[in-house]
Protein backbone atom coordinates (compact mmCIF):
# COMPACT_ATOMS: atom_id res chain seq x y z
CA UNK A 1 0.00 0.00 0.00
CA UNK A 2 1.23 3.46 -0.77
CA UNK A 3 0.87 6.51 1.44
CA UNK A 4 -2.34 7.76 -0.21
CA UNK A 5 -4.07 4.38 0.16
CA UNK A 6 -2.98 4.09 3.78
CA UNK A 7 -4.28 7.57 4.52
CA UNK A 8 -7.61 6.78 2.86
CA UNK A 9 -7.91 3.51 4.81
CA UNK A 10 -7.17 5.28 8.11
CA UNK A 11 -9.69 8.02 7.30
CA UNK A 12 -12.43 5.47 6.55
CA UNK A 13 -11.55 3.51 9.70
CA UNK A 14 -11.62 6.64 11.85
CA UNK A 15 -14.96 7.73 10.42
CA UNK A 16 -16.40 4.28 11.00
CA UNK A 17 -15.20 4.24 14.62
CA UNK A 18 -16.65 7.69 15.20
CA UNK A 19 -19.97 6.73 13.67
CA UNK A 20 -20.20 3.48 15.65
CA UNK A 21 -19.29 5.35 18.85
CA UNK A 22 -22.01 7.95 18.24
CA UNK A 23 -24.67 5.32 17.55
CA UNK A 24 -23.73 3.21 20.55
CA UNK A 25 -23.86 6.32 22.77
CA UNK A 26 -27.47 6.81 21.72
CA UNK A 27 -28.23 3.43 23.29
CA UNK A 28 -26.31 4.29 26.50
CA UNK A 29 -23.67 1.62 26.05
CA UNK A 30 -20.88 2.24 28.55
CA UNK A 31 -17.90 1.83 26.20
CA UNK A 32 -19.32 4.15 23.49
CA UNK A 33 -17.18 7.18 24.44
CA UNK A 34 -14.01 5.11 24.08
CA UNK A 35 -14.92 4.01 20.55
CA UNK A 36 -15.91 7.55 19.59
CA UNK A 37 -12.74 8.99 21.11
CA UNK A 38 -10.51 6.56 19.22
CA UNK A 39 -12.08 7.63 15.93
CA UNK A 40 -12.02 11.32 16.87
CA UNK A 41 -8.34 11.28 17.80
CA UNK A 42 -7.48 9.53 14.55
CA UNK A 43 -9.53 12.05 12.55
CA UNK A 44 -7.88 14.98 14.34
CA UNK A 45 -4.46 13.48 13.61
CA UNK A 46 -5.29 12.94 9.92
CA UNK A 47 -6.66 16.47 9.55
CA UNK A 48 -3.54 17.93 11.21
CA UNK A 49 -1.32 15.85 8.93
CA UNK A 50 -3.30 16.99 5.92
CA UNK A 51 -3.06 20.63 6.98
CA UNK A 52 0.70 20.36 7.50
CA UNK A 53 1.22 18.58 4.17
CA UNK A 54 -0.38 21.52 2.36
CA UNK A 55 2.47 23.92 3.15
CA UNK A 56 3.54 24.03 -0.52
CA UNK A 57 -0.03 24.34 -1.81
CA UNK A 58 -1.83 27.54 -2.66
CA UNK A 59 -3.29 29.89 -0.11
CA UNK A 60 -6.80 28.53 -0.62
CA UNK A 61 -5.77 24.90 -0.04
CA UNK A 62 -3.83 25.85 3.10
CA UNK A 63 -6.85 27.72 4.44
CA UNK A 64 -9.15 24.78 3.70
CA UNK A 65 -6.74 22.41 5.46
CA UNK A 66 -6.62 24.65 8.52
CA UNK A 67 -10.41 24.97 8.53
CA UNK A 68 -10.75 21.19 8.36
CA UNK A 69 -8.39 20.81 11.30
CA UNK A 70 -10.30 23.35 13.38
CA UNK A 71 -13.57 21.59 12.54
CA UNK A 72 -12.10 18.26 13.63
CA UNK A 73 -11.28 19.74 17.03
CA UNK A 74 -15.05 19.83 17.60
CA UNK A 75 -14.87 16.03 17.67
CA UNK A 76 -12.37 16.21 20.52
CA UNK A 77 -14.74 18.42 22.47
CA UNK A 78 -17.62 16.09 21.64
CA UNK A 79 -15.63 13.18 23.08
CA UNK A 80 -15.00 15.18 26.25
CA UNK A 81 -18.72 15.91 26.65
CA UNK A 82 -19.50 12.23 26.08
CA UNK A 83 -17.30 11.32 29.02
CA UNK A 84 -18.77 14.19 31.07
CA UNK A 85 -22.30 12.86 30.50
CA UNK A 86 -23.58 16.01 28.81
CA UNK A 87 -25.69 15.99 25.66
CA UNK A 88 -23.66 18.85 24.18
CA UNK A 89 -21.68 16.26 22.20
CA UNK A 90 -24.59 16.05 19.77
CA UNK A 91 -24.36 19.76 18.94
CA UNK A 92 -20.59 19.56 18.45
CA UNK A 93 -20.97 16.52 16.22
CA UNK A 94 -23.52 18.43 14.15
CA UNK A 95 -21.13 21.40 13.88
CA UNK A 96 -18.38 19.06 12.67
CA UNK A 97 -20.66 17.36 10.16
CA UNK A 98 -22.00 20.60 8.70
CA UNK A 99 -18.60 22.27 8.47
CA UNK A 100 -17.05 19.18 6.85
CA UNK A 101 -19.95 19.02 4.41
CA UNK A 102 -19.44 22.68 3.53
CA UNK A 103 -15.67 22.30 3.18
CA UNK A 104 -16.09 19.31 0.88
CA UNK A 105 -17.71 21.59 -1.69
CA UNK A 106 -14.99 24.22 -1.29
CA UNK A 107 -12.18 21.87 -2.27
CA UNK A 108 -10.39 21.84 -5.57
CA UNK A 109 -12.68 20.80 -8.39
CA UNK A 110 -11.38 18.49 -11.09
CA UNK A 111 -12.55 19.39 -14.56
C-alpha atoms as a PDB file:
ATOM      1  CA  UNK A   1       0.000   0.000   0.000  1.00  0.00           C
ATOM      2  CA  UNK A   2       1.230   3.456  -0.772  1.00  0.00           C
ATOM      3  CA  UNK A   3       0.872   6.514   1.443  1.00  0.00           C
ATOM      4  CA  UNK A   4      -2.338   7.761  -0.206  1.00  0.00           C
ATOM      5  CA  UNK A   5      -4.068   4.378   0.160  1.00  0.00           C
ATOM      6  CA  UNK A   6      -2.981   4.094   3.782  1.00  0.00           C
ATOM      7  CA  UNK A   7      -4.283   7.567   4.523  1.00  0.00           C
ATOM      8  CA  UNK A   8      -7.610   6.782   2.861  1.00  0.00           C
ATOM      9  CA  UNK A   9      -7.912   3.505   4.807  1.00  0.00           C
ATOM     10  CA  UNK A  10      -7.175   5.284   8.110  1.00  0.00           C
ATOM     11  CA  UNK A  11      -9.692   8.020   7.300  1.00  0.00           C
ATOM     12  CA  UNK A  12     -12.433   5.470   6.550  1.00  0.00           C
ATOM     13  CA  UNK A  13     -11.555   3.505   9.696  1.00  0.00           C
ATOM     14  CA  UNK A  14     -11.617   6.636  11.854  1.00  0.00           C
ATOM     15  CA  UNK A  15     -14.959   7.730  10.421  1.00  0.00           C
ATOM     16  CA  UNK A  16     -16.402   4.281  11.005  1.00  0.00           C
ATOM     17  CA  UNK A  17     -15.205   4.235  14.623  1.00  0.00           C
ATOM     18  CA  UNK A  18     -16.649   7.689  15.205  1.00  0.00           C
ATOM     19  CA  UNK A  19     -19.969   6.727  13.665  1.00  0.00           C
ATOM     20  CA  UNK A  20     -20.197   3.481  15.653  1.00  0.00           C
ATOM     21  CA  UNK A  21     -19.293   5.351  18.854  1.00  0.00           C
ATOM     22  CA  UNK A  22     -22.006   7.948  18.237  1.00  0.00           C
ATOM     23  CA  UNK A  23     -24.667   5.321  17.547  1.00  0.00           C
ATOM     24  CA  UNK A  24     -23.731   3.215  20.553  1.00  0.00           C
ATOM     25  CA  UNK A  25     -23.857   6.318  22.771  1.00  0.00           C
ATOM     26  CA  UNK A  26     -27.475   6.814  21.723  1.00  0.00           C
ATOM     27  CA  UNK A  27     -28.231   3.431  23.293  1.00  0.00           C
ATOM     28  CA  UNK A  28     -26.314   4.291  26.500  1.00  0.00           C
ATOM     29  CA  UNK A  29     -23.666   1.624  26.045  1.00  0.00           C
ATOM     30  CA  UNK A  30     -20.877   2.241  28.549  1.00  0.00           C
ATOM     31  CA  UNK A  31     -17.898   1.828  26.203  1.00  0.00           C
ATOM     32  CA  UNK A  32     -19.318   4.149  23.493  1.00  0.00           C
ATOM     33  CA  UNK A  33     -17.176   7.185  24.443  1.00  0.00           C
ATOM     34  CA  UNK A  34     -14.015   5.112  24.076  1.00  0.00           C
ATOM     35  CA  UNK A  35     -14.920   4.008  20.553  1.00  0.00           C
ATOM     36  CA  UNK A  36     -15.910   7.553  19.594  1.00  0.00           C
ATOM     37  CA  UNK A  37     -12.737   8.993  21.113  1.00  0.00           C
ATOM     38  CA  UNK A  38     -10.513   6.563  19.218  1.00  0.00           C
ATOM     39  CA  UNK A  39     -12.083   7.635  15.934  1.00  0.00           C
ATOM     40  CA  UNK A  40     -12.024  11.316  16.874  1.00  0.00           C
ATOM     41  CA  UNK A  41      -8.335  11.277  17.804  1.00  0.00           C
ATOM     42  CA  UNK A  42      -7.481   9.533  14.551  1.00  0.00           C
ATOM     43  CA  UNK A  43      -9.530  12.047  12.551  1.00  0.00           C
ATOM     44  CA  UNK A  44      -7.882  14.979  14.339  1.00  0.00           C
ATOM     45  CA  UNK A  45      -4.458  13.479  13.607  1.00  0.00           C
ATOM     46  CA  UNK A  46      -5.286  12.943   9.924  1.00  0.00           C
ATOM     47  CA  UNK A  47      -6.660  16.468   9.550  1.00  0.00           C
ATOM     48  CA  UNK A  48      -3.542  17.926  11.208  1.00  0.00           C
ATOM     49  CA  UNK A  49      -1.316  15.846   8.934  1.00  0.00           C
ATOM     50  CA  UNK A  50      -3.302  16.987   5.921  1.00  0.00           C
ATOM     51  CA  UNK A  51      -3.058  20.635   6.983  1.00  0.00           C
ATOM     52  CA  UNK A  52       0.700  20.358   7.501  1.00  0.00           C
ATOM     53  CA  UNK A  53       1.222  18.577   4.169  1.00  0.00           C
ATOM     54  CA  UNK A  54      -0.385  21.521   2.357  1.00  0.00           C
ATOM     55  CA  UNK A  55       2.472  23.921   3.152  1.00  0.00           C
ATOM     56  CA  UNK A  56       3.538  24.029  -0.522  1.00  0.00           C
ATOM     57  CA  UNK A  57      -0.028  24.343  -1.814  1.00  0.00           C
ATOM     58  CA  UNK A  58      -1.827  27.541  -2.657  1.00  0.00           C
ATOM     59  CA  UNK A  59      -3.286  29.892  -0.110  1.00  0.00           C
ATOM     60  CA  UNK A  60      -6.803  28.534  -0.621  1.00  0.00           C
ATOM     61  CA  UNK A  61      -5.771  24.903  -0.040  1.00  0.00           C
ATOM     62  CA  UNK A  62      -3.828  25.848   3.104  1.00  0.00           C
ATOM     63  CA  UNK A  63      -6.847  27.721   4.440  1.00  0.00           C
ATOM     64  CA  UNK A  64      -9.147  24.779   3.698  1.00  0.00           C
ATOM     65  CA  UNK A  65      -6.736  22.407   5.461  1.00  0.00           C
ATOM     66  CA  UNK A  66      -6.616  24.652   8.522  1.00  0.00           C
ATOM     67  CA  UNK A  67     -10.414  24.971   8.528  1.00  0.00           C
ATOM     68  CA  UNK A  68     -10.754  21.186   8.361  1.00  0.00           C
ATOM     69  CA  UNK A  69      -8.391  20.806  11.297  1.00  0.00           C
ATOM     70  CA  UNK A  70     -10.303  23.350  13.376  1.00  0.00           C
ATOM     71  CA  UNK A  71     -13.568  21.591  12.535  1.00  0.00           C
ATOM     72  CA  UNK A  72     -12.101  18.260  13.629  1.00  0.00           C
ATOM     73  CA  UNK A  73     -11.280  19.740  17.033  1.00  0.00           C
ATOM     74  CA  UNK A  74     -15.048  19.830  17.600  1.00  0.00           C
ATOM     75  CA  UNK A  75     -14.868  16.028  17.672  1.00  0.00           C
ATOM     76  CA  UNK A  76     -12.366  16.208  20.517  1.00  0.00           C
ATOM     77  CA  UNK A  77     -14.736  18.421  22.471  1.00  0.00           C
ATOM     78  CA  UNK A  78     -17.615  16.093  21.642  1.00  0.00           C
ATOM     79  CA  UNK A  79     -15.626  13.182  23.080  1.00  0.00           C
ATOM     80  CA  UNK A  80     -15.002  15.178  26.253  1.00  0.00           C
ATOM     81  CA  UNK A  81     -18.716  15.907  26.645  1.00  0.00           C
ATOM     82  CA  UNK A  82     -19.505  12.227  26.079  1.00  0.00           C
ATOM     83  CA  UNK A  83     -17.303  11.319  29.022  1.00  0.00           C
ATOM     84  CA  UNK A  84     -18.771  14.185  31.073  1.00  0.00           C
ATOM     85  CA  UNK A  85     -22.296  12.862  30.504  1.00  0.00           C
ATOM     86  CA  UNK A  86     -23.581  16.006  28.809  1.00  0.00           C
ATOM     87  CA  UNK A  87     -25.695  15.988  25.660  1.00  0.00           C
ATOM     88  CA  UNK A  88     -23.660  18.845  24.184  1.00  0.00           C
ATOM     89  CA  UNK A  89     -21.677  16.263  22.205  1.00  0.00           C
ATOM     90  CA  UNK A  90     -24.594  16.050  19.767  1.00  0.00           C
ATOM     91  CA  UNK A  91     -24.358  19.759  18.944  1.00  0.00           C
ATOM     92  CA  UNK A  92     -20.587  19.561  18.449  1.00  0.00           C
ATOM     93  CA  UNK A  93     -20.965  16.518  16.216  1.00  0.00           C
ATOM     94  CA  UNK A  94     -23.516  18.430  14.153  1.00  0.00           C
ATOM     95  CA  UNK A  95     -21.135  21.397  13.876  1.00  0.00           C
ATOM     96  CA  UNK A  96     -18.380  19.064  12.671  1.00  0.00           C
ATOM     97  CA  UNK A  97     -20.655  17.359  10.156  1.00  0.00           C
ATOM     98  CA  UNK A  98     -21.998  20.599   8.697  1.00  0.00           C
ATOM     99  CA  UNK A  99     -18.599  22.267   8.466  1.00  0.00           C
ATOM    100  CA  UNK A 100     -17.053  19.185   6.847  1.00  0.00           C
ATOM    101  CA  UNK A 101     -19.951  19.023   4.413  1.00  0.00           C
ATOM    102  CA  UNK A 102     -19.440  22.682   3.525  1.00  0.00           C
ATOM    103  CA  UNK A 103     -15.672  22.298   3.179  1.00  0.00           C
ATOM    104  CA  UNK A 104     -16.088  19.309   0.883  1.00  0.00           C
ATOM    105  CA  UNK A 105     -17.706  21.592  -1.692  1.00  0.00           C
ATOM    106  CA  UNK A 106     -14.986  24.225  -1.289  1.00  0.00           C
ATOM    107  CA  UNK A 107     -12.179  21.869  -2.273  1.00  0.00           C
ATOM    108  CA  UNK A 108     -10.385  21.836  -5.570  1.00  0.00           C
ATOM    109  CA  UNK A 109     -12.678  20.800  -8.391  1.00  0.00           C
ATOM    110  CA  UNK A 110     -11.379  18.488 -11.086  1.00  0.00           C
ATOM    111  CA  UNK A 111     -12.554  19.395 -14.558  1.00  0.00           C
END
